[in-house]
Protein backbone atom coordinates (compact mmCIF):
# COMPACT_ATOMS: atom_id res chain seq x y z
CA MET A 1 45.65 -43.94 26.82
CA GLU A 2 44.87 -45.45 23.47
CA SER A 3 41.55 -46.30 23.02
CA ASN A 4 40.63 -49.99 22.77
CA ARG A 5 37.82 -49.18 20.01
CA LYS A 6 38.28 -50.13 16.20
CA THR A 7 37.68 -47.84 13.77
CA THR A 8 35.90 -49.27 10.87
CA PRO A 9 35.88 -47.89 6.90
CA GLU A 10 32.45 -47.62 7.02
CA SER A 11 32.33 -44.96 10.28
CA LYS A 12 34.99 -42.61 8.84
CA PRO A 13 33.13 -41.06 5.96
CA HIS A 14 30.29 -39.69 8.57
CA ALA A 15 33.05 -39.01 10.74
CA GLU A 16 34.62 -36.66 8.54
CA ASP A 17 31.32 -35.13 7.80
CA ARG A 18 30.79 -33.85 11.05
CA LEU A 19 34.19 -32.97 11.79
CA PHE A 20 34.07 -29.97 9.40
CA ASN A 21 31.60 -28.08 11.91
CA GLY A 22 33.52 -24.66 12.80
CA ASP A 23 33.37 -25.94 16.35
CA LEU A 24 35.43 -28.75 15.71
CA LYS A 25 38.27 -26.83 14.17
CA SER A 26 38.41 -24.28 16.46
CA ALA A 27 39.02 -26.68 18.96
CA ALA A 28 41.50 -29.04 17.23
CA GLU A 29 43.27 -25.47 16.53
CA THR A 30 43.44 -24.30 20.25
CA GLY A 31 44.09 -27.72 21.58
CA SER A 32 41.42 -27.55 23.82
CA PRO A 33 41.18 -30.75 25.93
CA SER A 34 37.82 -31.22 24.78
CA PHE A 35 38.49 -32.31 20.86
CA ASN A 36 39.05 -35.86 21.81
CA ASP A 37 36.06 -36.23 23.24
CA VAL A 38 34.07 -34.82 20.58
CA TRP A 39 36.07 -36.40 17.85
CA GLU A 40 35.38 -39.84 19.64
CA GLY A 41 31.80 -38.92 20.07
CA VAL A 42 31.40 -38.23 16.29
CA LEU A 43 33.56 -41.39 15.28
CA TYR A 44 31.65 -43.92 17.32
CA MET A 45 28.23 -42.48 17.16
CA LYS A 46 25.88 -45.62 17.71
CA ARG A 47 24.35 -46.42 14.24
CA TRP A 48 20.45 -47.13 14.22
CA GLY A 49 19.38 -49.94 12.72
CA LYS A 50 21.04 -52.60 9.91
CA LEU A 51 21.42 -51.94 6.28
CA TRP A 52 19.51 -54.55 4.15
CA LEU A 53 19.64 -55.20 0.23
CA ASN A 54 16.27 -55.94 -1.18
CA PRO A 55 16.98 -58.95 -3.75
CA GLN A 56 13.75 -58.11 -5.43
CA THR A 57 13.90 -54.30 -6.11
CA GLY A 58 17.68 -53.91 -5.80
CA ALA A 59 17.17 -51.31 -3.38
CA TRP A 60 19.26 -50.89 0.05
CA ALA A 61 17.19 -50.21 2.88
CA VAL A 62 17.64 -49.00 6.76
CA LYS A 63 15.73 -51.85 8.94
CA GLY A 64 15.16 -51.79 12.95
CA LYS A 65 12.83 -51.31 15.95
CA TRP A 66 11.75 -47.73 17.47
CA GLN A 67 9.88 -47.55 20.37
CA SER A 68 9.00 -51.83 20.18
CA LYS A 69 7.44 -51.40 16.46
CA ARG A 70 9.66 -52.67 13.30
CA GLN A 71 10.66 -49.76 10.91
CA TYR A 72 11.72 -49.75 7.17
CA PHE A 73 13.16 -46.85 5.43
CA SER A 74 14.57 -47.06 1.74
CA GLU A 75 14.10 -43.40 0.63
CA ILE A 76 15.95 -40.38 1.53
CA PRO A 77 14.04 -37.23 1.86
CA THR A 78 15.58 -34.46 -0.11
CA VAL A 79 15.85 -30.44 0.72
CA GLY A 80 13.45 -29.82 -2.06
CA GLY A 81 10.77 -32.08 -0.67
CA GLY A 82 11.30 -35.00 -3.00
CA TRP A 83 12.72 -38.56 -2.38
CA LEU A 84 15.84 -40.67 -3.75
CA VAL A 85 15.21 -44.38 -3.55
CA CYS A 86 18.62 -46.22 -2.06
CA ARG A 87 20.15 -47.68 -5.33
CA SER A 88 23.45 -48.17 -3.25
CA LYS A 89 25.00 -49.23 0.10
CA GLU A 90 26.51 -45.75 0.15
CA MET A 91 23.08 -44.19 0.04
CA ALA A 92 21.66 -46.40 2.69
CA GLU A 93 24.66 -45.63 5.06
CA HIS A 94 23.79 -42.07 4.30
CA LEU A 95 20.18 -42.50 5.41
CA GLN A 96 21.16 -44.44 8.48
CA HIS A 97 23.38 -41.75 9.58
CA GLN A 98 20.57 -38.94 9.02
CA ILE A 99 18.30 -41.10 11.43
CA SER A 100 20.91 -41.66 13.57
CA ILE A 101 21.73 -38.02 14.17
CA GLU A 102 18.24 -37.39 14.49
CA ILE A 103 17.86 -40.00 17.45
CA GLU A 104 21.10 -38.68 19.09
CA ARG A 105 19.22 -35.32 19.10
CA GLY A 106 16.07 -36.33 20.18
CA THR A 107 14.07 -35.18 17.27
CA PHE A 108 13.68 -38.46 15.63
CA ASN A 109 10.23 -39.16 14.14
CA PRO A 110 9.43 -41.93 11.46
CA ALA A 111 6.98 -39.94 9.77
CA ARG A 112 9.65 -37.73 8.30
CA PHE A 113 11.01 -40.59 6.30
CA ARG A 114 8.32 -42.06 4.72
CA LYS A 115 6.87 -40.97 1.40
CA ALA A 116 2.95 -39.66 1.66
CA LYS A 117 2.07 -39.94 5.40
CA PRO A 118 -0.31 -38.06 7.19
CA LEU A 119 2.10 -35.64 8.49
CA HIS A 120 3.35 -34.56 4.91
CA THR A 121 1.89 -30.97 4.01
CA GLY A 122 0.17 -32.17 1.38
CA ASN A 123 -1.61 -35.19 3.03
CA TYR A 124 -2.38 -32.83 6.11
CA ALA A 125 -4.06 -30.31 3.89
CA ARG A 126 -6.36 -32.69 2.00
CA LYS A 127 -7.57 -34.20 5.48
CA TRP A 128 -8.01 -30.44 7.09
CA LEU A 129 -9.94 -29.85 3.81
CA GLU A 130 -12.47 -32.59 4.29
CA ASP A 131 -12.79 -31.88 7.75
CA GLN A 132 -13.93 -28.26 7.01
CA LYS A 133 -16.40 -28.96 4.41
CA PRO A 134 -19.41 -29.47 6.87
CA ALA A 135 -18.66 -26.08 8.40
CA VAL A 136 -18.28 -23.60 5.88
CA LYS A 137 -19.94 -22.38 2.94
CA PHE A 138 -19.41 -24.38 -0.37
CA SER A 139 -18.32 -21.25 -2.04
CA SER A 140 -15.29 -20.76 0.76
CA TRP A 141 -14.38 -24.49 0.53
CA ARG A 142 -14.29 -24.45 -3.50
CA CYS A 143 -11.87 -21.46 -2.65
CA TYR A 144 -9.77 -23.42 -0.21
CA ARG A 145 -9.74 -26.51 -2.38
CA ALA A 146 -8.31 -24.16 -5.13
CA TYR A 147 -5.41 -22.97 -3.23
CA VAL A 148 -4.71 -26.48 -2.06
CA ASP A 149 -5.11 -28.08 -5.53
CA HIS A 150 -2.92 -25.32 -7.58
CA TRP A 151 -0.18 -24.09 -5.02
CA ILE A 152 0.03 -25.99 -1.70
CA GLU A 153 -0.30 -29.63 -2.77
CA PRO A 154 2.17 -28.86 -5.90
CA LEU A 155 4.87 -26.77 -4.04
CA LEU A 156 4.53 -27.75 -0.32
CA GLY A 157 2.88 -31.50 -0.59
CA ARG A 158 5.92 -33.43 0.05
CA GLU A 159 7.41 -31.27 3.04
CA TYR A 160 7.13 -33.10 6.37
CA LEU A 161 4.81 -30.83 8.15
CA PRO A 162 7.07 -30.19 11.26
CA ASP A 163 9.83 -28.93 9.09
CA LEU A 164 8.12 -26.10 7.27
CA SER A 165 10.06 -23.23 8.64
CA HIS A 166 9.67 -19.59 7.85
CA GLU A 167 12.23 -19.33 5.36
CA LYS A 168 10.67 -22.52 3.46
CA ILE A 169 7.28 -20.62 3.50
CA LYS A 170 9.23 -17.58 2.04
CA ARG A 171 10.59 -19.62 -0.57
CA PHE A 172 6.97 -21.23 -1.41
CA LEU A 173 5.26 -17.60 -1.44
CA ASN A 174 7.81 -16.46 -4.05
CA ALA A 175 7.21 -19.10 -6.39
CA ILE A 176 3.71 -18.03 -6.60
CA PRO A 177 3.36 -15.89 -9.37
CA LYS A 178 0.23 -13.95 -8.30
CA SER A 179 -0.64 -10.58 -6.84
CA PRO A 180 0.21 -9.64 -3.39
CA LYS A 181 -3.33 -9.82 -2.15
CA TYR A 182 -3.84 -13.36 -3.58
CA LYS A 183 -0.26 -14.81 -2.08
CA LYS A 184 -1.73 -13.33 1.65
CA ASN A 185 -5.17 -15.11 1.17
CA ILE A 186 -2.86 -18.70 0.22
CA GLN A 187 -0.70 -17.78 3.51
CA ALA A 188 -3.81 -17.20 5.37
CA LEU A 189 -5.19 -20.59 4.54
CA LEU A 190 -1.62 -22.15 5.08
CA PHE A 191 -1.58 -21.01 8.37
CA GLU A 192 -5.18 -21.90 9.25
CA ILE A 193 -3.95 -25.42 8.47
CA LEU A 194 -0.41 -25.17 10.85
CA ARG A 195 -2.82 -24.00 13.83
CA ASP A 196 -4.76 -26.87 13.16
CA ALA A 197 -1.71 -29.50 13.17
CA ARG A 198 -0.65 -27.75 16.43
CA GLU A 199 -3.98 -27.91 18.13
CA ASN A 200 -3.96 -31.61 17.57
CA GLY A 201 -0.51 -32.08 18.49
CA TYR A 202 1.19 -32.47 15.43
CA ILE A 203 3.62 -29.81 15.57
CA SER A 204 4.68 -28.25 18.43
CA GLN A 205 4.71 -24.35 16.89
CA VAL A 206 3.64 -22.33 14.16
CA PRO A 207 6.43 -20.36 11.98
CA ALA A 208 6.35 -16.71 12.05
CA PRO A 209 4.24 -15.25 9.09
CA ILE A 210 5.91 -13.84 6.09
CA PRO A 211 5.04 -9.71 5.95
CA ILE A 212 3.27 -9.26 2.92
CA LYS A 213 2.36 -5.46 1.70
CA LEU A 214 -0.35 -5.02 -0.51
CA ASP A 215 -0.44 -2.90 -3.40
CA GLN A 216 -2.76 0.07 -2.37
CA LYS A 217 -5.11 0.73 -5.77
CA LYS A 218 -6.93 3.64 -6.15
CA ILE A 219 -10.73 2.72 -6.30
CA LYS A 220 -12.35 3.02 -9.90
CA TYR A 221 -15.65 4.44 -9.71
CA ILE A 222 -17.91 6.79 -12.49
CA ASP A 223 -20.14 9.59 -11.59
CA ALA A 224 -23.80 10.04 -12.22
CA ASP A 225 -23.87 11.36 -15.56
CA THR A 226 -21.77 8.55 -16.69
CA GLN A 227 -24.08 5.81 -14.89
CA ALA A 228 -26.69 7.36 -16.59
CA SER A 229 -25.37 7.41 -20.35
CA VAL A 230 -24.82 3.67 -19.80
CA LEU A 231 -27.97 2.65 -18.38
CA GLU A 232 -29.36 4.40 -21.71
CA LYS A 233 -27.92 2.09 -23.69
CA ILE A 234 -29.69 -1.00 -21.48
CA PRO A 235 -32.83 -1.94 -22.84
CA ALA A 236 -35.52 -0.76 -20.61
CA ARG A 237 -36.63 -3.91 -19.27
CA HIS A 238 -33.20 -4.46 -17.65
CA ARG A 239 -32.73 -1.24 -16.39
CA PRO A 240 -34.25 -1.58 -12.76
CA ILE A 241 -31.77 -3.99 -11.39
CA TYR A 242 -28.90 -1.43 -12.24
CA ALA A 243 -30.63 1.61 -10.95
CA PHE A 244 -30.97 -0.09 -7.88
CA LEU A 245 -27.06 -0.92 -7.40
CA PHE A 246 -26.67 2.85 -8.40
CA ALA A 247 -28.92 3.75 -5.63
CA THR A 248 -28.15 1.38 -2.86
CA GLY A 249 -24.29 0.44 -3.34
CA CYS A 250 -25.38 -3.25 -2.82
CA ARG A 251 -23.00 -6.22 -4.09
CA VAL A 252 -24.48 -7.78 -7.39
CA SER A 253 -24.94 -10.92 -5.86
CA GLU A 254 -27.11 -9.02 -3.05
CA ALA A 255 -29.37 -7.36 -5.29
CA ARG A 256 -29.80 -10.23 -7.61
CA ALA A 257 -30.90 -12.27 -4.31
CA LEU A 258 -33.42 -9.77 -2.84
CA ARG A 259 -36.30 -11.28 -1.77
CA LYS A 260 -40.04 -9.49 -1.68
CA VAL A 261 -40.05 -10.04 2.22
CA ASP A 262 -36.94 -8.13 2.44
CA VAL A 263 -38.19 -4.84 1.51
CA GLN A 264 -39.70 -3.02 4.67
CA ARG A 265 -41.53 0.43 5.11
CA ASP A 266 -38.62 2.46 5.33
CA CYS A 267 -35.69 0.14 4.76
CA ILE A 268 -34.22 -2.67 2.78
CA VAL A 269 -33.13 -5.77 5.06
CA ILE A 270 -29.97 -7.07 3.13
CA ALA A 271 -30.05 -11.12 4.19
CA GLY A 272 -28.98 -13.34 1.57
CA THR A 273 -27.27 -13.63 -1.67
CA PHE A 274 -26.35 -16.54 -4.23
CA ALA A 275 -23.35 -18.39 -4.00
CA PRO A 276 -22.05 -21.56 -6.02
CA SER A 277 -23.38 -24.89 -4.67
CA ALA A 278 -22.01 -28.48 -5.11
CA ASP A 279 -23.78 -29.21 -8.14
CA GLY A 280 -22.32 -26.81 -10.57
CA GLY A 281 -25.29 -24.42 -9.84
CA GLU A 282 -26.47 -21.59 -7.18
CA VAL A 283 -27.88 -21.86 -3.73
CA TRP A 284 -29.32 -18.79 -1.66
CA GLN A 285 -27.20 -18.25 1.56
CA ILE A 286 -27.12 -15.97 3.99
CA VAL A 287 -24.64 -13.05 3.55
CA LYS A 288 -21.26 -12.20 4.09
CA GLN A 289 -20.44 -12.35 7.91
CA SER A 290 -23.51 -14.15 8.28
CA ARG A 291 -25.42 -11.03 9.59
CA GLU A 292 -28.31 -9.56 7.90
CA GLU A 293 -28.47 -5.75 8.05
CA ALA A 294 -30.52 -2.80 6.87
CA ILE A 295 -29.99 0.07 4.84
CA PRO A 296 -32.58 2.98 3.77
CA LEU A 297 -35.46 2.56 1.27
CA SER A 298 -34.13 5.36 -0.59
CA GLU A 299 -36.29 7.01 -3.18
CA GLY A 300 -33.78 6.00 -6.14
CA ALA A 301 -34.20 2.12 -4.94
CA ARG A 302 -38.32 2.48 -4.19
CA ILE A 303 -38.31 3.80 -7.99
CA ALA A 304 -36.28 1.12 -9.24
CA ILE A 305 -38.19 -1.84 -7.52
CA GLU A 306 -41.49 -0.60 -8.42
CA VAL A 307 -40.67 -0.11 -12.06
CA ALA A 308 -39.17 -3.94 -11.62
CA GLY A 309 -43.29 -4.65 -11.22
CA GLN A 310 -44.50 -7.93 -9.96
CA ASN A 311 -43.77 -11.49 -10.72
CA LEU A 312 -44.71 -15.04 -9.22
CA THR A 313 -41.27 -15.86 -7.66
CA PRO A 314 -40.16 -14.53 -4.39
CA TYR A 315 -37.45 -12.46 -5.71
CA ILE A 316 -37.69 -8.71 -6.62
CA PHE A 317 -35.89 -8.53 -9.89
CA ILE A 318 -36.36 -11.05 -12.60
CA ASN A 319 -34.73 -11.28 -16.17
CA PRO A 320 -37.88 -10.64 -18.22
CA ASP A 321 -35.98 -12.94 -20.88
CA THR A 322 -35.91 -15.92 -18.52
CA SER A 323 -38.62 -15.35 -16.22
CA ARG A 324 -35.51 -16.25 -13.58
CA VAL A 325 -33.43 -14.56 -11.38
CA TYR A 326 -30.57 -12.80 -13.35
CA LYS A 327 -27.44 -14.88 -13.39
CA LYS A 328 -24.10 -13.99 -15.45
CA ASN A 329 -26.32 -12.57 -18.08
CA ILE A 330 -26.16 -9.39 -15.68
CA TYR A 331 -22.55 -8.77 -16.76
CA ASP A 332 -22.96 -9.45 -20.60
CA ILE A 333 -25.49 -6.62 -20.48
CA TRP A 334 -23.79 -4.23 -18.48
CA ASN A 335 -20.65 -4.77 -20.45
CA LYS A 336 -22.21 -4.23 -23.84
CA ALA A 337 -24.23 -1.18 -22.79
CA CYS A 338 -20.25 -0.09 -21.59
CA LEU A 339 -18.56 -0.35 -24.79
CA ASP A 340 -22.00 0.91 -26.68
CA SER A 341 -22.02 3.99 -24.71
CA GLY A 342 -18.57 4.74 -25.36
CA VAL A 343 -17.26 3.94 -21.76
CA GLY A 344 -15.24 1.21 -22.16
CA TYR A 345 -15.08 -2.30 -20.26
CA PHE A 346 -15.66 -1.00 -16.98
CA PRO A 347 -16.20 -3.66 -13.52
CA LEU A 348 -20.24 -3.47 -12.60
CA ASN A 349 -19.38 -3.38 -8.80
CA ASN A 350 -17.36 -0.20 -8.95
CA ALA A 351 -20.01 1.45 -11.13
CA GLY A 352 -22.38 0.73 -8.32
CA ARG A 353 -21.19 0.29 -4.91
CA HIS A 354 -17.48 1.92 -5.05
CA SER A 355 -19.04 4.89 -7.17
CA LEU A 356 -21.54 5.45 -4.55
CA GLY A 357 -19.35 5.24 -1.78
CA MET A 358 -16.76 7.84 -3.55
CA ALA A 359 -19.96 10.23 -4.20
CA LEU A 360 -20.72 10.35 -0.73
CA SER A 361 -17.02 10.87 0.11
CA LYS A 362 -16.96 13.42 -2.02
CA ALA A 363 -19.96 15.50 -0.61
CA GLY A 364 -18.41 15.39 2.76
CA VAL A 365 -20.60 12.37 4.14
CA ASP A 366 -19.13 11.25 7.47
CA MET A 367 -16.95 8.15 7.02
CA ASN A 368 -18.81 6.15 9.72
CA GLN A 369 -22.05 7.02 7.87
CA ILE A 370 -20.91 5.91 4.62
CA SER A 371 -19.17 2.58 6.71
CA ALA A 372 -22.99 1.80 7.80
CA LEU A 373 -24.58 2.10 4.59
CA LEU A 374 -21.93 0.00 3.00
CA ARG A 375 -21.66 -2.43 5.90
CA HIS A 376 -18.26 -2.74 6.23
CA SER A 377 -16.70 -4.91 9.03
CA ASN A 378 -15.09 -1.79 10.46
CA VAL A 379 -14.89 2.25 9.45
CA SER A 380 -11.12 1.56 8.94
CA VAL A 381 -12.07 -0.77 5.71
CA THR A 382 -13.94 2.62 4.43
CA LYS A 383 -11.32 4.90 5.30
CA LYS A 384 -8.68 2.84 3.37
CA HIS A 385 -11.05 2.81 -0.02
CA TYR A 386 -13.22 5.75 0.06
CA ALA A 387 -11.08 8.40 2.05
CA GLU A 388 -9.67 9.95 -0.93
CA HIS A 389 -8.87 13.82 -0.47
CA ASP A 390 -11.05 15.51 -3.09
CA MET A 391 -10.28 19.38 -3.74
CA GLY A 392 -13.56 20.41 -3.65
CA VAL A 393 -14.67 19.37 -0.72
CA LEU A 394 -11.50 20.47 1.36
CA LYS A 395 -12.02 24.08 0.00
CA ARG A 396 -15.55 24.03 1.24
CA VAL A 397 -14.42 22.76 4.95
CA VAL A 398 -11.41 25.34 5.03
CA ASP A 399 -13.67 28.27 3.71
CA ASN A 400 -16.38 27.26 6.48
CA VAL A 401 -13.44 27.21 9.00
CA ARG A 402 -12.39 30.48 7.93
CA SER A 403 -15.97 32.21 7.64
CA ILE A 404 -16.49 31.64 11.29
CA LYS A 405 -15.90 34.65 13.53
């Protein structure tokens, strides 16, 4: 029986677009009785809204009501996250077709068809960033802001948040010309933002993260003799803080922020560190992972503190040239001494913290003890960095085992 409906010229191009679906082709070829029904549904799909030409701008738009609210759409979202203004009736028809398909599927959300709305990734990331500002340390927040400014906003800013898929995140990470560790940090921040969006009901699920394999680099370290040769090239008035770093394995910022009240009779309490402040300076704040931990007051550490002498500030190590705590000049002094001693450029943190960890590992000290001294979150972190198999240590272990009778 012939249908009473009339095909309109406007509807045929859109129907033809959908007829290239594999299921429809196979249905037609096999003479399936459902083929005509599918064709009818495609050809006569109800269009949402009306086309309208804006006489002032010359652009076309789609207007209509959705959930009792008037809606107006004049730009087509593209695959790459851009937007195309409807400069012709055909473009407006394409936009109308896209909207109608999503309504038919039950997935329509007006925000997806509007530029610069809260559910676009860039805007939501900005909102999340501001919400985090009072809750995190400024140094952490500044790092988050850099990731949003340099990568998330430029590369994902126009993406509709619910459309962020595993594949889109993979392309995003591939477009970042940085190390695997840097990419992993950016992905971690992006997923914090996505989890926040899910908890607030903006998206229903978070895509699976992209596996990122980190390069396992060997820790750079120097031995005690090399430390001593560099120390000789440092002016005597500056030596105490470097000797302290060698003896304790503290982070450079922790040694700079060490206070007189932190030195106990038989231990040193690592309580604070210096971190960037919002005004461009520095601020004393509680240490990493927000917990105070004690390390032994070794003989080397005690001598370094005594040689540093007394001063009128709350801190142990003061730069004699400025009568203030060391700042970036601590690295300038170290780098010059490295060059003067013939060692060449060598990171200060590696010369102190990493070198102590490797020295203890080579001496056969248990990894749990090294982990406690360096205050790692767990012993697996220590093993990852310092469990280098030293032939001398292994030889002693084998000899000791074979000597047991």
